[in-house]
């Protein structure tokens, strides 16, 4: 099939592949993707300021972060499919408008409840906006240009990871117009409005030629199963682990089982399930999903407890904490580039396994220095551990998606990539929920109110306990990685970039890689 025919099949205007309009469209969708990536990482650094201003509980702190990840995860595949059915440009603009409104509501939140609700809305709108980004790229650029474009997208992902915490620290520290933490959300308003105005003019509409039907029952079941698990995890400790909490957690795997049964029925009925169960017959894909889920749990735990440890435990300012994280972010970006370009083509799966062991080693080193220096620890004493951790994370995040997708049939690449990203967000939400157990569950908050001199010791011990759990999970990830292909095949054709929707068709032999979305 020719490139022109591909564009016609997807509803894209093939003329956009020959002029500068497509590059303006690329800048618009990349800016929106950057906005989402920054917003996912910018919040942690501002949590102490939010807690002080709104008087939030530990449960609310977790939901401010976990709520976004949960809503984003639950809606990712549906968002992609809506774009296939109703038009990717239309859904992108709708998602961007909703994300901008939700950001305004977050910035104007007068209570913890309003902020949590606004973050849920923000995550839902991101789930409509983000899947369209790679889909729009897929139908706007010819196959020979997509490698360069996806490489640029990978750089944007890395830049978002680096700039999010630092930007959050600067905006919080500057206290613009006395708004304290609120500018971390309000900064999205001018960006969102510009994306809407320019996107309407320069983005070309496209639809999938054979769009699947919506599986709303599947979405409800996935969301219910996650809520049954995450809600009692976040509230249980605060409420002294009531019976209903244990019953909800026990019901979660039952609902997941119902989901599997329904998806089998949906497949037989009309061939449009939310989750393509046949993918799990591919051993490398099933193992990769397990890695993605557990790695998301590690990241969800670490980034939240790290912020709480530095700012609430050690009493550091947001800017101090944000600058401390810069070496980590740089190490992630550098290692990610090396792993994809040089290491994985030569060593294959061993690079990901080395990443898991390296990150675990960095965590154990951090465990040691935090215990040794206690309240007197300085940023420079953390840097060696953070760099080792960052290198390990970079070796995993960049090549993981290709490794998981390498043995997936090309006709399922779109569904598979959407499921990978959804699973990562699910893991992140579960990890944020587990913070109440591995971090807050190690000390008595009421006692600390009467004995503030013990805060640093309590937070340090809680942080080290969380690090211990993260190291154990990474050891498990290392073992599961043996099920990944020794050397990922570079054969993915049209659709790997079509996140959450059906894969399109291109010329035979077109190779396309999708960078991992890190949030």
Protein backbone atom coordinates (compact mmCIF):
# COMPACT_ATOMS: atom_id res chain seq x y z
CA UNK A 1 0.00 0.00 0.00
CA UNK A 2 1.43 3.39 -0.91
CA UNK A 3 1.87 6.28 1.46
CA UNK A 4 -0.85 8.20 -0.36
CA UNK A 5 -3.25 5.26 -0.04
CA UNK A 6 -2.42 4.96 3.64
CA UNK A 7 -3.35 8.57 4.23
CA UNK A 8 -6.56 8.13 2.32
CA UNK A 9 -7.45 5.07 4.34
CA UNK A 10 -6.93 6.86 7.60
CA UNK A 11 -8.69 10.01 6.51
CA UNK A 12 -5.57 12.18 6.67
CA UNK A 13 -4.84 14.80 4.05
CA UNK A 14 -1.81 13.46 2.20
CA UNK A 15 -0.83 16.96 1.17
CA UNK A 16 0.31 17.64 4.72
CA UNK A 17 3.24 15.27 4.22
CA UNK A 18 4.80 17.64 1.71
CA UNK A 19 4.67 21.06 3.37
CA UNK A 20 5.66 22.81 6.57
CA UNK A 21 2.14 22.55 8.01
CA UNK A 22 2.88 19.08 9.42
CA UNK A 23 5.85 20.40 11.37
CA UNK A 24 3.70 23.08 12.98
CA UNK A 25 1.16 20.37 13.84
CA UNK A 26 4.01 18.31 15.32
CA UNK A 27 5.12 21.22 17.51
CA UNK A 28 1.55 21.63 18.77
CA UNK A 29 0.98 18.00 19.73
CA UNK A 30 4.48 17.72 21.22
CA UNK A 31 3.81 20.78 23.38
CA UNK A 32 0.59 19.19 24.65
CA UNK A 33 2.43 15.94 25.39
CA UNK A 34 5.13 17.90 27.22
CA UNK A 35 2.43 19.69 29.24
CA UNK A 36 1.02 16.34 30.37
CA UNK A 37 4.45 14.88 31.21
CA UNK A 38 5.44 17.93 33.24
CA UNK A 39 2.11 17.97 35.04
CA UNK A 40 2.53 14.34 36.08
CA UNK A 41 5.93 15.07 37.69
CA UNK A 42 5.55 18.68 38.81
CA UNK A 43 3.07 18.01 41.61
CA UNK A 44 5.21 15.90 43.96
CA UNK A 45 7.66 18.70 44.66
CA UNK A 46 4.82 21.07 45.63
CA UNK A 47 3.01 18.66 47.97
CA UNK A 48 4.42 20.12 51.24
CA UNK A 49 3.25 23.58 50.13
CA UNK A 50 -0.19 22.18 49.23
CA UNK A 51 -0.37 20.37 52.58
CA UNK A 52 0.46 23.58 54.46
CA UNK A 53 -1.97 25.75 52.50
CA UNK A 54 -4.98 23.42 52.35
CA UNK A 55 -4.38 21.35 55.47
CA UNK A 56 -4.45 18.08 53.53
CA UNK A 57 -4.38 14.66 55.16
CA UNK A 58 -1.94 11.95 54.09
CA UNK A 59 -4.82 10.28 52.25
CA UNK A 60 -5.52 13.46 50.26
CA UNK A 61 -1.80 13.77 49.44
CA UNK A 62 -1.84 10.29 47.93
CA UNK A 63 -5.05 10.92 45.98
CA UNK A 64 -3.71 14.19 44.52
CA UNK A 65 -1.07 12.07 42.76
CA UNK A 66 -2.72 8.64 42.52
CA UNK A 67 -6.06 10.06 41.34
CA UNK A 68 -4.42 11.53 38.24
CA UNK A 69 -2.60 8.26 37.45
CA UNK A 70 -5.73 6.18 38.03
CA UNK A 71 -7.97 8.31 35.79
CA UNK A 72 -5.25 8.46 33.14
CA UNK A 73 -4.74 4.67 33.19
CA UNK A 74 -8.45 3.85 33.07
CA UNK A 75 -9.09 6.11 30.09
CA UNK A 76 -6.00 5.64 27.90
CA UNK A 77 -7.24 2.88 25.61
CA UNK A 78 -10.75 4.32 25.41
CA UNK A 79 -9.29 7.74 24.56
CA UNK A 80 -7.33 6.23 21.70
CA UNK A 81 -10.36 4.39 20.41
CA UNK A 82 -12.55 7.50 20.60
CA UNK A 83 -10.01 9.25 18.42
CA UNK A 84 -10.15 6.41 15.90
CA UNK A 85 -13.96 6.64 15.75
CA UNK A 86 -14.71 10.35 16.01
CA UNK A 87 -11.48 11.89 14.74
CA UNK A 88 -8.08 12.31 16.35
CA UNK A 89 -7.96 16.06 15.87
CA UNK A 90 -11.40 16.43 17.45
CA UNK A 91 -10.47 14.31 20.48
CA UNK A 92 -7.10 16.03 20.82
CA UNK A 93 -8.74 19.45 20.94
CA UNK A 94 -11.46 18.21 23.31
CA UNK A 95 -8.88 16.63 25.61
CA UNK A 96 -6.67 19.73 25.52
CA UNK A 97 -9.63 21.99 26.34
CA UNK A 98 -10.69 19.74 29.21
CA UNK A 99 -7.11 19.48 30.50
CA UNK A 100 -6.80 23.27 30.47
CA UNK A 101 -10.10 23.73 32.35
CA UNK A 102 -9.12 21.05 34.88
CA UNK A 103 -5.75 22.77 35.38
CA UNK A 104 -7.57 26.02 36.16
CA UNK A 105 -9.78 24.21 38.67
CA UNK A 106 -6.69 22.67 40.30
CA UNK A 107 -5.05 26.07 40.56
CA UNK A 108 -8.19 27.61 42.07
CA UNK A 109 -8.94 24.71 44.44
CA UNK A 110 -10.18 25.94 47.81
CA UNK A 111 -10.11 22.55 49.56
CA UNK A 112 -8.33 19.20 49.37
CA UNK A 113 -11.53 17.60 48.06
CA UNK A 114 -11.79 20.09 45.19
CA UNK A 115 -8.14 19.54 44.30
CA UNK A 116 -8.50 15.75 44.26
CA UNK A 117 -11.65 15.97 42.10
CA UNK A 118 -9.92 18.38 39.71
CA UNK A 119 -6.91 16.06 39.44
CA UNK A 120 -9.24 13.17 38.56
CA UNK A 121 -10.78 15.32 35.82
CA UNK A 122 -7.31 16.33 34.65
CA UNK A 123 -6.22 12.69 34.35
CA UNK A 124 -9.39 11.83 32.42
CA UNK A 125 -8.80 14.66 29.96
CA UNK A 126 -5.14 13.67 29.57
CA UNK A 127 -6.36 10.19 28.62
CA UNK A 128 -8.30 11.77 25.74
CA UNK A 129 -5.45 14.08 24.67
CA UNK A 130 -2.27 11.98 24.93
CA UNK A 131 -3.22 8.91 22.80
CA UNK A 132 -3.95 11.21 19.87
CA UNK A 133 -0.40 12.59 19.83
CA UNK A 134 1.34 9.56 18.34
CA UNK A 135 -1.72 8.73 16.24
CA UNK A 136 -1.62 12.20 14.64
CA UNK A 137 2.11 11.79 14.00
CA UNK A 138 1.42 8.36 12.49
CA UNK A 139 -1.00 9.68 9.87
CA UNK A 140 0.70 13.03 9.26
CA UNK A 141 4.26 11.89 8.53
CA UNK A 142 5.37 9.36 5.90
CA UNK A 143 7.18 6.22 7.19
CA UNK A 144 10.68 7.43 6.28
CA UNK A 145 10.27 10.52 8.54
CA UNK A 146 8.69 8.84 11.55
CA UNK A 147 11.93 7.51 13.01
CA UNK A 148 13.24 11.08 13.30
CA UNK A 149 9.94 12.29 14.72
CA UNK A 150 9.74 9.52 17.34
CA UNK A 151 13.34 10.26 18.29
CA UNK A 152 12.31 13.87 18.88
CA UNK A 153 9.37 12.63 20.95
CA UNK A 154 11.77 10.58 23.08
CA UNK A 155 13.81 13.72 23.71
CA UNK A 156 10.65 15.55 24.77
CA UNK A 157 9.89 12.72 27.21
CA UNK A 158 13.36 13.06 28.71
CA UNK A 159 13.07 16.84 28.90
CA UNK A 160 9.72 16.50 30.68
CA UNK A 161 11.25 14.17 33.27
CA UNK A 162 14.11 16.62 33.90
CA UNK A 163 12.17 19.88 33.88
CA UNK A 164 9.00 18.85 35.77
CA UNK A 165 10.39 18.70 39.33
CA UNK A 166 12.70 21.68 38.78
CA UNK A 167 9.93 23.81 37.25
CA UNK A 168 7.64 22.85 40.13
CA UNK A 169 10.30 23.84 42.64
CA UNK A 170 10.92 27.21 40.98
CA UNK A 171 7.23 28.10 40.66
CA UNK A 172 6.58 27.12 44.29
CA UNK A 173 9.68 28.92 45.60
CA UNK A 174 8.96 32.13 43.67
CA UNK A 175 5.47 32.31 45.23
CA UNK A 176 4.18 34.36 42.29
CA UNK A 177 1.57 36.93 43.42
CA UNK A 178 1.39 35.10 46.76
CA UNK A 179 -0.19 32.06 45.04
CA UNK A 180 2.37 29.59 46.50
CA UNK A 181 1.84 26.19 44.75
CA UNK A 182 -1.02 27.22 42.46
CA UNK A 183 1.10 28.41 39.48
CA UNK A 184 2.22 24.79 38.87
CA UNK A 185 -1.30 24.25 37.49
CA UNK A 186 -2.12 27.74 36.23
CA UNK A 187 0.92 27.73 33.93
CA UNK A 188 -1.00 25.24 31.76
CA UNK A 189 -3.64 27.83 30.85
CA UNK A 190 -1.74 29.91 28.26
CA UNK A 191 -0.12 26.76 26.86
CA UNK A 192 -3.48 25.01 26.53
CA UNK A 193 -5.21 28.00 24.93
CA UNK A 194 -2.39 28.37 22.38
CA UNK A 195 -2.54 24.63 21.57
CA UNK A 196 -6.29 24.90 20.99
CA UNK A 197 -6.06 27.93 18.68
CA UNK A 198 -3.12 26.62 16.65
CA UNK A 199 -4.29 23.00 16.69
CA UNK A 200 -7.62 23.91 15.17
CA UNK A 201 -5.82 25.61 12.29
CA UNK A 202 -2.86 23.34 11.58
CA UNK A 203 -3.76 19.77 12.63
CA UNK A 204 -5.37 17.64 9.91
CA UNK A 205 -8.34 15.47 10.90
CA UNK A 206 -8.03 11.70 10.55
CA UNK A 207 -9.94 8.59 11.57
CA UNK A 208 -9.18 4.87 11.56
CA UNK A 209 -10.57 3.04 8.50
CA UNK A 210 -12.00 0.23 10.62
CA UNK A 211 -12.41 1.69 14.08
CA UNK A 212 -13.41 -0.72 16.82
CA UNK A 213 -16.45 -0.17 18.98
CA UNK A 214 -16.21 1.22 22.48
CA UNK A 215 -16.01 -1.24 25.37
CA UNK A 216 -17.48 0.88 28.15
CA UNK A 217 -18.23 -2.17 30.32
CA UNK A 218 -14.53 -3.06 30.16
CA UNK A 219 -13.58 0.47 31.24
CA UNK A 220 -16.01 0.31 34.19
CA UNK A 221 -14.67 -3.08 35.29
CA UNK A 222 -11.02 -1.99 35.07
CA UNK A 223 -11.75 1.19 37.03
CA UNK A 224 -13.80 -0.68 39.66
CA UNK A 225 -11.08 -3.32 40.16
CA UNK A 226 -8.43 -0.63 40.66
CA UNK A 227 -10.60 1.42 43.02
CA UNK A 228 -11.39 -1.65 45.10
CA UNK A 229 -7.65 -2.11 45.59
CA UNK A 230 -6.33 1.46 45.79
CA UNK A 231 -9.04 3.11 47.92
CA UNK A 232 -8.64 0.84 50.98
CA UNK A 233 -4.84 0.98 50.60
CA UNK A 234 -4.88 4.77 50.87
CA UNK A 235 -7.56 5.04 53.59
CA UNK A 236 -6.97 1.83 55.53
CA UNK A 237 -4.14 2.95 57.82
CA UNK A 238 -5.91 6.23 58.67
CA UNK A 239 -9.09 4.29 59.61
CA UNK A 240 -7.23 1.50 61.47
CA UNK A 241 -7.80 -1.04 58.67
CA UNK A 242 -11.57 -1.63 58.91
CA UNK A 243 -13.18 -4.89 57.78
CA UNK A 244 -14.74 -3.28 54.71
CA UNK A 245 -11.28 -2.33 53.51
CA UNK A 246 -10.11 -5.94 53.56
CA UNK A 247 -13.31 -7.03 51.82
CA UNK A 248 -12.79 -4.44 49.07
CA UNK A 249 -9.22 -5.59 48.46
CA UNK A 250 -10.37 -9.22 48.38
CA UNK A 251 -13.05 -8.26 45.83
CA UNK A 252 -10.52 -6.62 43.49
CA UNK A 253 -9.12 -9.85 41.97
CA UNK A 254 -12.69 -11.16 41.63
CA UNK A 255 -13.62 -8.12 39.53
CA UNK A 256 -10.47 -8.59 37.47
CA UNK A 257 -11.58 -12.19 36.83
CA UNK A 258 -15.01 -10.91 35.73
CA UNK A 259 -13.20 -8.46 33.42
CA UNK A 260 -11.27 -11.32 31.79
CA UNK A 261 -14.47 -13.34 31.29
CA UNK A 262 -16.27 -10.34 29.83
CA UNK A 263 -13.40 -9.52 27.48
CA UNK A 264 -13.52 -13.08 26.14
CA UNK A 265 -17.26 -12.65 25.54
CA UNK A 266 -16.70 -9.26 23.92
CA UNK A 267 -14.08 -10.72 21.60
CA UNK A 268 -16.47 -13.41 20.39
CA UNK A 269 -19.40 -10.99 20.13
CA UNK A 270 -17.95 -8.18 18.00
CA UNK A 271 -14.15 -8.46 18.09
CA UNK A 272 -13.68 -5.14 19.92
CA UNK A 273 -12.61 -5.82 23.52
CA UNK A 274 -10.90 -3.19 25.64
CA UNK A 275 -8.05 -5.65 26.29
CA UNK A 276 -6.87 -8.00 23.54
CA UNK A 277 -6.45 -11.17 25.64
CA UNK A 278 -4.76 -13.04 22.78
CA UNK A 279 -1.72 -10.81 23.34
CA UNK A 280 -1.02 -12.56 26.64
CA UNK A 281 -0.34 -15.80 24.78
CA UNK A 282 2.89 -14.14 23.62
CA UNK A 283 5.26 -14.96 26.49
CA UNK A 284 7.44 -11.89 26.04
CA UNK A 285 4.39 -9.60 26.04
CA UNK A 286 2.92 -11.16 29.20
CA UNK A 287 6.29 -10.89 30.95
CA UNK A 288 6.73 -7.32 29.72
CA UNK A 289 3.33 -6.31 31.08
CA UNK A 290 4.34 -7.77 34.47
CA UNK A 291 7.58 -5.78 34.33
CA UNK A 292 5.73 -2.61 33.33
CA UNK A 293 3.22 -3.01 36.17
CA UNK A 294 5.77 -3.71 38.91
CA UNK A 295 8.19 -1.06 37.64
CA UNK A 296 5.33 1.44 37.76
CA UNK A 297 4.73 0.43 41.39
CA UNK A 298 8.41 1.12 42.21
CA UNK A 299 8.29 4.56 40.59
CA UNK A 300 4.97 5.42 42.25
CA UNK A 301 6.39 4.63 45.68
CA UNK A 302 9.83 6.20 45.25
CA UNK A 303 9.04 9.61 43.81
CA UNK A 304 6.39 10.47 46.40
CA UNK A 305 8.30 9.25 49.48
CA UNK A 306 11.49 10.90 48.19
CA UNK A 307 9.78 14.29 48.14
CA UNK A 308 8.20 13.76 51.57
CA UNK A 309 11.56 12.68 53.01
CA UNK A 310 13.46 15.71 51.71
CA UNK A 311 10.90 18.41 52.38
CA UNK A 312 8.91 17.24 55.42
CA UNK A 313 11.57 15.03 57.00
CA UNK A 314 14.73 17.04 56.37
CA UNK A 315 12.96 20.40 56.16
CA UNK A 316 14.42 21.35 52.79
CA UNK A 317 12.80 23.97 50.57
CA UNK A 318 11.09 22.98 47.32
CA UNK A 319 13.96 24.50 45.32
CA UNK A 320 16.59 22.64 47.37
CA UNK A 321 14.76 19.35 46.81
CA UNK A 322 14.20 20.10 43.11
CA UNK A 323 17.86 20.88 42.46
CA UNK A 324 18.90 17.73 44.32
CA UNK A 325 16.95 15.69 41.78
CA UNK A 326 18.64 17.20 38.70
CA UNK A 327 21.60 14.73 38.61
CA UNK A 328 19.10 11.86 38.76
CA UNK A 329 17.10 13.21 35.81
CA UNK A 330 20.23 13.85 33.74
CA UNK A 331 21.46 10.30 34.44
CA UNK A 332 18.09 8.88 33.32
CA UNK A 333 18.17 10.82 30.03
CA UNK A 334 21.81 9.98 29.28
CA UNK A 335 21.44 6.27 30.03
CA UNK A 336 18.20 6.09 28.03
CA UNK A 337 19.94 7.46 24.94
CA UNK A 338 22.89 5.09 25.29
CA UNK A 339 20.71 2.05 25.89
CA UNK A 340 18.64 2.47 22.72
CA UNK A 341 21.39 3.62 20.38
CA UNK A 342 24.35 1.49 21.47
CA UNK A 343 23.69 -1.10 24.16
CA UNK A 344 20.42 -2.88 23.31
CA UNK A 345 21.38 -3.61 19.67
CA UNK A 346 24.50 -5.35 20.98
CA UNK A 347 23.46 -6.91 24.28
CA UNK A 348 19.67 -7.18 24.03
CA UNK A 349 17.73 -8.19 27.14
CA UNK A 350 20.84 -8.07 29.34
CA UNK A 351 20.71 -4.27 29.21
CA UNK A 352 17.27 -4.19 30.86
CA UNK A 353 18.37 -6.72 33.48
CA UNK A 354 21.50 -4.69 34.16
CA UNK A 355 19.23 -1.68 34.57
CA UNK A 356 17.12 -3.44 37.22
CA UNK A 357 20.22 -4.52 39.17
CA UNK A 358 21.85 -1.09 38.80
CA UNK A 359 18.75 0.72 40.03
CA UNK A 360 18.46 -1.70 42.95
CA UNK A 361 22.14 -1.05 43.78
CA UNK A 362 21.50 2.71 43.73
CA UNK A 363 18.50 2.28 46.02
CA UNK A 364 20.56 0.20 48.48
CA UNK A 365 23.32 2.83 48.38
CA UNK A 366 20.72 5.52 49.15
CA UNK A 367 19.42 3.30 51.98
CA UNK A 368 22.95 3.24 53.42
CA UNK A 369 23.75 6.97 53.15
CA UNK A 370 20.35 8.04 54.51
CA UNK A 371 20.93 5.87 57.57
CA UNK A 372 24.55 6.91 58.03
CA UNK A 373 24.11 10.69 57.83
CA UNK A 374 20.57 10.99 59.22
CA UNK A 375 19.40 14.57 59.72
CA UNK A 376 22.80 15.96 58.70
CA UNK A 377 22.72 14.51 55.18
CA UNK A 378 23.56 16.94 52.38
CA UNK A 379 22.56 16.94 48.72
CA UNK A 380 26.08 16.07 47.52
CA UNK A 381 26.02 12.95 49.69
CA UNK A 382 22.87 11.77 47.88
CA UNK A 383 24.21 12.37 44.38
CA UNK A 384 26.20 9.11 43.90
CA UNK A 385 23.16 7.01 44.83
CA UNK A 386 20.85 9.13 42.65
CA UNK A 387 23.16 8.89 39.63
CA UNK A 388 23.40 5.09 39.97
CA UNK A 389 19.61 4.89 40.29
CA UNK A 390 19.12 7.20 37.31
CA UNK A 391 21.44 5.13 35.12
CA UNK A 392 19.53 1.98 36.08
CA UNK A 393 16.16 3.57 35.35
CA UNK A 394 17.36 4.92 32.00
CA UNK A 395 18.54 1.46 30.94
CA UNK A 396 15.00 0.17 31.55
CA UNK A 397 12.54 2.85 30.47
CA UNK A 398 13.84 3.54 26.96
CA UNK A 399 14.10 -0.01 25.50
CA UNK A 400 11.30 -1.65 27.52
CA UNK A 401 8.48 -0.85 25.10
CA UNK A 402 10.36 -2.25 22.11
CA UNK A 403 11.27 -5.39 24.07
CA UNK A 404 7.63 -5.98 25.06
CA UNK A 405 6.30 -5.32 21.54
CA UNK A 406 9.03 -7.14 19.63
CA UNK A 407 7.14 -10.45 19.28
CA UNK A 408 3.63 -8.98 19.05
CA UNK A 409 1.98 -9.41 15.61
CA UNK A 410 1.98 -6.08 13.79
CA UNK A 411 -1.83 -6.01 13.48
CA UNK A 412 -2.06 -5.86 17.30
CA UNK A 413 0.75 -3.33 17.84
CA UNK A 414 -1.63 -0.42 18.48
CA UNK A 415 -3.68 -2.31 21.07
CA UNK A 416 -0.52 -3.67 22.68
CA UNK A 417 1.19 -0.27 23.01
CA UNK A 418 -1.95 1.24 24.53
CA UNK A 419 -2.14 -1.64 27.02
CA UNK A 420 1.53 -1.19 27.95
CA UNK A 421 1.02 2.48 28.78
CA UNK A 422 -2.19 1.74 30.67
CA UNK A 423 -0.42 -0.92 32.73
CA UNK A 424 2.41 1.46 33.62
CA UNK A 425 -0.08 4.05 34.87
CA UNK A 426 -1.95 1.35 36.81
CA UNK A 427 1.29 0.37 38.51
CA UNK A 428 2.01 3.99 39.33
CA UNK A 429 -1.43 4.41 40.93
CA UNK A 430 -1.00 1.20 42.96
CA UNK A 431 2.46 2.31 44.10
CA UNK A 432 1.09 5.66 45.26
CA UNK A 433 -1.60 3.79 47.18
CA UNK A 434 1.03 1.58 48.83
CA UNK A 435 2.80 4.67 50.21
CA UNK A 436 0.35 4.57 53.13
CA UNK A 437 1.68 1.11 54.02
CA UNK A 438 5.42 1.25 53.32
CA UNK A 439 5.93 4.89 54.36
CA UNK A 440 3.19 6.38 56.52
CA UNK A 441 2.52 3.02 58.14
CA UNK A 442 5.94 3.02 59.85
CA UNK A 443 5.30 5.93 62.23
CA UNK A 444 2.59 7.45 64.38
CA UNK A 445 1.60 10.86 63.03
CA UNK A 446 -0.22 11.82 66.24
CA UNK A 447 2.90 11.15 68.28
CA UNK A 448 5.01 13.27 65.96
CA UNK A 449 2.69 16.23 66.58
CA UNK A 450 3.65 16.13 70.26
CA UNK A 451 7.30 15.20 69.65
CA UNK A 452 8.40 17.22 66.58
CA UNK A 453 12.05 16.59 67.39
CA UNK A 454 11.53 13.01 66.23
CA UNK A 455 10.19 13.97 62.78
CA UNK A 456 13.50 13.69 60.91
CA UNK A 457 14.29 10.30 62.43
CA UNK A 458 10.78 9.00 61.73
CA UNK A 459 10.77 10.20 58.12
CA UNK A 460 14.27 8.85 57.51
CA UNK A 461 13.29 5.43 58.85
CA UNK A 462 10.11 5.47 56.75
CA UNK A 463 12.07 6.46 53.65
CA UNK A 464 14.60 3.67 54.18
CA UNK A 465 11.78 1.16 54.70
CA UNK A 466 10.25 2.25 51.37
CA UNK A 467 13.64 1.90 49.66
CA UNK A 468 13.98 -1.63 51.01
CA UNK A 469 10.66 -2.64 49.48
CA UNK A 470 11.57 -0.99 46.17
CA UNK A 471 14.86 -2.94 46.03
CA UNK A 472 13.02 -6.23 46.64
CA UNK A 473 10.54 -5.49 43.83
CA UNK A 474 13.40 -4.63 41.45
CA UNK A 475 15.02 -7.98 42.22
CA UNK A 476 11.73 -9.61 41.20
CA UNK A 477 11.65 -7.53 38.02
CA UNK A 478 15.16 -8.78 37.16
CA UNK A 479 13.94 -12.38 37.33
CA UNK A 480 10.79 -11.75 35.27
CA UNK A 481 12.93 -10.14 32.58
CA UNK A 482 14.32 -13.57 31.69
CA UNK A 483 11.02 -14.14 29.86
CA UNK A 484 11.71 -11.19 27.53
CA UNK A 485 13.29 -11.98 24.15
CA UNK A 486 17.08 -12.15 24.30
CA UNK A 487 17.31 -9.72 21.39
CA UNK A 488 14.16 -7.70 20.55
CA UNK A 489 13.19 -7.98 16.90
CA UNK A 490 13.04 -4.68 15.05
CA UNK A 491 10.04 -5.57 12.92
CA UNK A 492 7.13 -3.49 14.14
CA UNK A 493 5.18 -2.07 11.26
CA UNK A 494 2.45 0.56 11.09
CA UNK A 495 0.54 0.89 14.33
CA UNK A 496 3.15 0.91 17.04
CA UNK A 497 2.74 4.60 17.25
CA UNK A 498 -1.02 4.40 17.24
CA UNK A 499 -1.49 4.24 20.93
CA UNK A 500 -4.66 2.74 22.13
CA UNK A 501 -6.21 2.36 18.68
CA UNK A 502 -5.90 0.04 15.75
CA UNK A 503 -2.66 -0.12 13.85
CA UNK A 504 -2.70 1.52 10.46
CA UNK A 505 -1.00 0.10 7.38
CA UNK A 506 2.15 1.28 5.65
CA UNK A 507 4.51 0.15 2.96
CA UNK A 508 6.01 -3.29 3.65
CA UNK A 509 9.17 -3.07 5.64
CA UNK A 510 8.43 0.26 7.29
CA UNK A 511 10.00 0.14 10.72
CA UNK A 512 8.51 2.16 13.49
CA UNK A 513 9.33 2.38 17.16
CA UNK A 514 7.24 3.97 19.87
CA UNK A 515 9.07 5.64 22.76
CA UNK A 516 7.89 4.76 26.23
CA UNK A 517 5.64 7.33 27.86
CA UNK A 518 7.10 8.14 31.27
CA UNK A 519 4.75 10.06 33.71
